[in-house]
Amino acid sequence: MPIPLIFGIGAAVAAAAGIGAGVKGGMKMKEASDSIKAAEARNQRNIDLLKQRQEATQQTLESLDHSKKEIERSFGEFVNVFEKIKNPPEFNEIKKENFKISECDISNLKDTSIAAEALIGIGIGHLVSGGGIALGSAFLAGATAGISLLAEGIAFSITGSKLEDKAKEITQKVDKAEKQIDKIIYFLQDLKSTAIDYRQILLRVDANYEEHLRRLKLLVIDNQKCDYKLYTSDEKLLLKNTILLVGLLYEMCKVKLVIPGNSNDDIGTVNNSEVWEKKTKANELINSL
């Protein structure tokens, strides 16, 4: 019975080879499927992290905006006091050593105060924050556009080679999206840090301004000393310094923290140069008072 035995052995070998190929193919499909699931999970983690950083930055910008609007609203108090003074100096004549305000006058302060009052009245949380960028749902949607890569109907009915190709494609897309998300997160971190730092120096200037304004109110309203020509040198200095402080605050509140990009795909850059310039100017004035 040698011939049937040979055929039997050949059939067994062929069957074993077929099973081995099937197992190998099944393993490849499982690896490809696991690779897709891992890529999707990584992509979702990246998006979740982006949302967290976006929300934290948004809160910081809203705190800065709120402080700015409260400061701008207070300009009306200064205007009310200043308009009671007879023969006052012109704003453009006020300077201190190399420090001079250049963008501010009474009409600017009055208009700014009225606008701030209106904005605070309706709530500013939903408004554009940070001076030129809204970090709300629209921003996030734009940042993550095309990134979500969920299953796309992938099933095991797809042949092993096609599933492997799909796994590679999705992994490459997630890698590309991750680089974009990392870029946005870096931008958000820079923006948040800058906003926190800028708010601190803004509030420091405001504290000095509020103290000077309190003393000026005492002089003009309580003591009814309203003729600048009759002011002592110290009283003239008080008015001069108050004007410089309110002028500086006016300039600081106008700073845009973000320089817009040149296209919809460009998230822009943080305006660190102007922030640094205003911080330096603020420290110089405060230290000279």
Protein backbone atom coordinates (compact mmCIF):
# COMPACT_ATOMS: atom_id res chain seq x y z
CA MET A 1 0.00 0.00 0.00
CA PRO A 2 2.85 2.43 -0.65
CA ILE A 3 1.07 4.68 -3.11
CA PRO A 4 -2.00 5.49 -0.95
CA LEU A 5 0.34 6.15 1.97
CA ILE A 6 2.29 8.67 -0.07
CA PHE A 7 -0.90 10.39 -1.15
CA GLY A 8 -2.08 10.47 2.44
CA ILE A 9 1.10 12.09 3.63
CA GLY A 10 0.97 14.66 0.82
CA ALA A 11 -2.61 15.56 1.65
CA ALA A 12 -1.73 15.97 5.32
CA VAL A 13 1.21 18.22 4.49
CA ALA A 14 -0.92 20.33 2.15
CA ALA A 15 -3.65 20.68 4.77
CA ALA A 16 -1.12 21.70 7.40
CA ALA A 17 0.35 24.30 5.05
CA GLY A 18 -3.10 25.71 4.36
CA ILE A 19 -3.89 25.97 8.07
CA GLY A 20 -0.54 27.68 8.67
CA ALA A 21 -1.22 30.23 5.95
CA GLY A 22 -4.68 30.89 7.36
CA VAL A 23 -3.31 31.38 10.87
CA LYS A 24 -0.61 33.71 9.57
CA GLY A 25 -3.17 35.70 7.60
CA GLY A 26 -5.43 35.89 10.62
CA MET A 27 -2.55 37.15 12.76
CA LYS A 28 -1.76 39.85 10.23
CA MET A 29 -5.40 40.97 10.20
CA LYS A 30 -5.45 41.06 14.00
CA GLU A 31 -2.22 43.08 14.08
CA ALA A 32 -3.64 45.48 11.51
CA SER A 33 -6.88 45.80 13.47
CA ASP A 34 -4.98 46.39 16.72
CA SER A 35 -2.85 48.99 14.96
CA ILE A 36 -5.98 50.85 13.79
CA LYS A 37 -7.51 50.77 17.27
CA ALA A 38 -4.24 52.02 18.82
CA ALA A 39 -4.06 54.88 16.29
CA GLU A 40 -7.67 55.86 16.97
CA ALA A 41 -7.09 55.78 20.74
CA ARG A 42 -3.95 57.92 20.40
CA ASN A 43 -5.79 60.38 18.20
CA GLN A 44 -8.61 60.69 20.73
CA ARG A 45 -6.13 61.27 23.56
CA ASN A 46 -4.51 64.03 21.52
CA ILE A 47 -7.86 65.70 20.84
CA ASP A 48 -8.87 65.43 24.51
CA LEU A 49 -5.58 67.06 25.55
CA LEU A 50 -6.11 69.82 23.00
CA LYS A 51 -9.59 70.48 24.38
CA GLN A 52 -8.23 70.68 27.94
CA ARG A 53 -5.52 73.16 26.95
CA GLN A 54 -8.01 75.15 24.89
CA GLU A 55 -10.44 75.43 27.81
CA ALA A 56 -7.69 76.43 30.25
CA THR A 57 -6.40 79.09 27.86
CA GLN A 58 -9.91 80.37 27.21
CA GLN A 59 -10.49 80.84 30.96
CA THR A 60 -7.22 82.74 31.29
CA LEU A 61 -8.08 85.03 28.38
CA GLU A 62 -11.53 85.71 29.78
CA SER A 63 -9.96 86.69 33.13
CA LEU A 64 -7.68 89.09 31.29
CA ASP A 65 -10.57 90.50 29.27
CA HIS A 66 -12.64 90.99 32.39
CA SER A 67 -9.80 92.88 34.10
CA LYS A 68 -9.29 95.03 31.02
CA LYS A 69 -12.96 95.94 30.77
CA GLU A 70 -13.16 96.80 34.47
CA ILE A 71 -10.12 99.04 34.08
CA GLU A 72 -11.55 100.69 30.96
CA ARG A 73 -14.83 101.29 32.75
CA SER A 74 -12.94 103.09 35.52
CA PHE A 75 -11.66 105.62 32.98
CA GLY A 76 -15.05 107.30 33.35
CA GLU A 77 -14.22 108.13 36.97
CA PHE A 78 -11.03 109.85 35.87
CA VAL A 79 -12.89 111.78 33.17
CA ASN A 80 -15.44 113.02 35.70
CA VAL A 81 -12.68 114.33 37.95
CA PHE A 82 -10.53 115.76 35.18
CA GLU A 83 -13.40 117.69 33.59
CA LYS A 84 -13.88 119.59 36.86
CA ILE A 85 -10.34 121.00 36.66
CA LYS A 86 -9.98 124.44 35.11
CA ASN A 87 -7.00 125.27 32.90
CA PRO A 88 -5.75 121.67 32.88
CA PRO A 89 -2.62 120.66 30.97
CA GLU A 90 -2.93 119.04 27.56
CA PHE A 91 -2.37 115.31 27.54
CA ASN A 92 0.23 115.53 24.80
CA GLU A 93 2.26 117.90 26.98
CA ILE A 94 2.52 115.37 29.82
CA LYS A 95 5.71 113.38 29.97
CA LYS A 96 8.12 112.02 32.53
CA GLU A 97 11.77 111.75 31.53
CA ASN A 98 11.61 109.52 28.43
CA PHE A 99 8.08 108.34 29.18
CA LYS A 100 5.20 109.86 27.25
CA ILE A 101 1.68 108.76 26.36
CA SER A 102 0.86 109.13 22.71
CA GLU A 103 -2.54 107.60 21.98
CA CYS A 104 -4.82 108.95 24.65
CA ASP A 105 -7.02 112.00 25.32
CA ILE A 106 -10.19 112.71 27.28
CA SER A 107 -12.52 111.80 24.40
CA ASN A 108 -10.73 108.45 23.94
CA LEU A 109 -11.06 107.67 27.63
CA LYS A 110 -14.73 108.65 27.69
CA ASP A 111 -15.61 106.54 24.64
CA THR A 112 -13.64 103.57 25.94
CA SER A 113 -15.35 103.76 29.33
CA ILE A 114 -18.82 103.84 27.77
CA ALA A 115 -18.01 100.87 25.50
CA ALA A 116 -16.60 98.85 28.41
CA GLU A 117 -19.67 99.58 30.51
CA ALA A 118 -21.89 98.24 27.72
CA LEU A 119 -19.81 95.09 27.26
CA ILE A 120 -19.73 94.32 30.95
CA GLY A 121 -23.49 94.83 31.01
CA ILE A 122 -24.07 92.06 28.46
CA GLY A 123 -21.26 89.81 29.66
CA ILE A 124 -17.91 89.39 27.94
CA GLY A 125 -17.38 85.65 28.29
CA HIS A 126 -18.74 84.94 24.83
CA LEU A 127 -16.85 87.73 23.10
CA VAL A 128 -13.59 87.53 21.21
CA SER A 129 -10.81 87.01 23.76
CA GLY A 130 -7.13 87.77 23.83
CA GLY A 131 -7.31 90.56 21.31
CA GLY A 132 -8.00 88.95 17.98
CA ILE A 133 -8.75 85.26 18.48
CA ALA A 134 -11.77 83.34 19.76
CA LEU A 135 -10.77 80.07 21.36
CA GLY A 136 -14.26 78.62 21.40
CA SER A 137 -15.90 75.76 19.54
CA ALA A 138 -15.27 77.28 16.11
CA PHE A 139 -11.53 77.53 16.78
CA LEU A 140 -11.38 73.97 18.06
CA ALA A 141 -13.37 72.67 15.10
CA GLY A 142 -10.96 74.37 12.74
CA ALA A 143 -7.95 73.07 14.59
CA THR A 144 -9.16 69.47 14.52
CA ALA A 145 -10.76 69.48 11.09
CA GLY A 146 -10.01 66.21 9.29
CA ILE A 147 -8.34 64.70 12.33
CA SER A 148 -11.10 62.42 13.61
CA LEU A 149 -10.46 59.05 12.00
CA LEU A 150 -12.96 56.66 13.55
CA ALA A 151 -13.44 53.19 12.11
CA GLU A 152 -14.58 54.22 8.61
CA GLY A 153 -16.57 50.99 8.34
CA ILE A 154 -13.51 48.73 8.53
CA ALA A 155 -14.51 45.06 8.97
CA PHE A 156 -12.78 41.72 8.89
CA SER A 157 -14.37 41.08 5.54
CA ILE A 158 -11.58 43.23 4.11
CA THR A 159 -8.69 41.08 2.98
CA GLY A 160 -5.55 41.04 5.07
CA SER A 161 -3.42 43.08 2.67
CA LYS A 162 -6.07 45.80 2.34
CA LEU A 163 -6.50 45.95 6.09
CA GLU A 164 -2.75 46.36 6.52
CA ASP A 165 -2.75 49.18 3.99
CA LYS A 166 -5.65 50.84 5.81
CA ALA A 167 -3.81 50.52 9.14
CA LYS A 168 -0.73 52.21 7.67
CA GLU A 169 -2.86 54.98 6.14
CA ILE A 170 -4.66 55.72 9.40
CA THR A 171 -1.43 55.64 11.43
CA GLN A 172 0.15 58.14 9.02
CA LYS A 173 -2.89 60.42 9.30
CA VAL A 174 -2.74 60.29 13.10
CA ASP A 175 1.01 61.04 13.02
CA LYS A 176 0.35 64.09 10.84
CA ALA A 177 -2.56 65.22 13.02
CA GLU A 178 -0.44 64.78 16.15
CA LYS A 179 2.17 67.18 14.81
CA GLN A 180 -0.53 69.77 14.11
CA ILE A 181 -2.07 69.31 17.55
CA ASP A 182 1.37 69.64 19.19
CA LYS A 183 1.84 72.92 17.33
CA ILE A 184 -1.53 74.22 18.51
CA ILE A 185 -0.90 73.12 22.10
CA TYR A 186 2.46 74.92 22.11
CA PHE A 187 0.68 78.04 20.83
CA LEU A 188 -1.99 77.75 23.54
CA GLN A 189 0.60 77.30 26.28
CA ASP A 190 2.51 80.36 25.09
CA LEU A 191 -0.70 82.38 24.86
CA LYS A 192 -1.88 81.34 28.32
CA SER A 193 1.48 82.12 29.93
CA THR A 194 1.64 85.50 28.19
CA ALA A 195 -1.93 86.35 29.24
CA ILE A 196 -1.23 85.49 32.89
CA ASP A 197 1.95 87.54 32.92
CA TYR A 198 0.33 90.50 31.14
CA ARG A 199 -2.65 90.52 33.49
CA GLN A 200 -0.30 90.69 36.49
CA ILE A 201 1.53 93.77 35.23
CA LEU A 202 -1.76 95.33 34.09
CA LEU A 203 -3.21 94.94 37.60
CA ARG A 204 -0.01 96.34 39.09
CA VAL A 205 -0.34 99.49 37.00
CA ASP A 206 -4.04 99.65 37.83
CA ALA A 207 -3.34 99.50 41.58
CA ASN A 208 -1.04 102.53 41.24
CA TYR A 209 -3.60 104.32 39.09
CA GLU A 210 -6.42 103.66 41.59
CA GLU A 211 -4.35 105.10 44.43
CA HIS A 212 -3.48 108.21 42.41
CA LEU A 213 -7.11 108.59 41.32
CA ARG A 214 -8.26 108.34 44.95
CA ARG A 215 -5.91 111.13 45.94
CA LEU A 216 -6.96 113.23 42.94
CA LYS A 217 -10.64 112.81 43.87
CA LEU A 218 -9.81 113.95 47.38
CA LEU A 219 -8.11 117.05 46.00
CA VAL A 220 -10.66 118.02 43.35
CA ILE A 221 -14.00 116.79 44.68
CA ASP A 222 -13.61 116.74 48.45
CA ASN A 223 -11.37 119.80 48.77
CA GLN A 224 -12.90 121.59 45.76
CA LYS A 225 -9.50 122.56 44.37
CA CYS A 226 -10.36 122.86 40.71
CA ASP A 227 -8.01 125.47 39.22
CA TYR A 228 -4.79 123.92 37.95
CA LYS A 229 -3.05 127.30 38.03
CA LEU A 230 -3.42 127.30 41.82
CA TYR A 231 -1.98 123.83 42.29
CA THR A 232 1.19 123.31 44.27
CA SER A 233 4.07 121.46 42.65
CA ASP A 234 3.04 118.26 44.48
CA GLU A 235 -0.55 118.62 43.33
CA LYS A 236 0.56 119.19 39.74
CA LEU A 237 2.76 116.12 40.01
CA LEU A 238 -0.20 114.10 41.29
CA LEU A 239 -2.31 115.08 38.28
CA LYS A 240 0.60 114.51 35.91
CA ASN A 241 1.28 111.01 37.26
CA THR A 242 -2.41 110.12 37.20
CA ILE A 243 -2.62 111.16 33.55
CA LEU A 244 0.46 109.09 32.72
CA LEU A 245 -0.98 106.05 34.51
CA VAL A 246 -4.40 106.28 32.88
CA GLY A 247 -2.74 106.83 29.51
CA LEU A 248 -0.55 103.78 29.99
CA LEU A 249 -3.54 101.66 30.99
CA TYR A 250 -5.38 102.86 27.89
CA GLU A 251 -2.46 101.73 25.72
CA MET A 252 -2.09 98.41 27.54
CA CYS A 253 -5.78 97.55 27.22
CA LYS A 254 -5.55 98.02 23.44
CA VAL A 255 -2.80 95.43 22.99
CA LYS A 256 -3.78 92.41 20.89
CA LEU A 257 -2.24 89.25 22.33
CA VAL A 258 -2.44 87.39 19.02
CA ILE A 259 -1.09 88.41 15.64
CA PRO A 260 -3.48 86.77 13.14
CA GLY A 261 -2.10 84.32 10.59
CA ASN A 262 -2.06 84.89 6.86
CA SER A 263 -4.50 82.08 6.10
CA ASN A 264 -7.22 79.97 7.67
CA ASP A 265 -4.66 77.24 8.36
CA ASP A 266 -2.33 79.64 10.17
CA ILE A 267 -3.25 80.02 13.84
CA GLY A 268 -1.06 83.10 14.14
CA THR A 269 1.56 84.00 16.72
CA VAL A 270 1.55 85.39 20.23
CA ASN A 271 2.31 89.12 20.25
CA ASN A 272 5.21 88.78 22.70
CA SER A 273 7.14 91.76 21.34
CA GLU A 274 4.42 94.34 22.05
CA VAL A 275 3.61 92.70 25.37
CA TRP A 276 7.26 92.97 26.36
CA GLU A 277 7.35 96.62 25.23
CA LYS A 278 4.32 97.53 27.36
CA LYS A 279 5.62 95.58 30.37
CA THR A 280 8.93 97.42 30.15
CA LYS A 281 7.14 100.77 29.83
CA ALA A 282 4.92 99.92 32.81
CA ASN A 283 7.82 98.96 35.05
CA GLU A 284 9.73 102.10 34.11
CA LEU A 285 6.80 104.35 34.97
CA ILE A 286 5.93 102.60 38.24
CA ASN A 287 9.54 102.68 39.38
CA SER A 288 9.74 106.41 38.65
CA LEU A 289 6.65 107.42 40.62
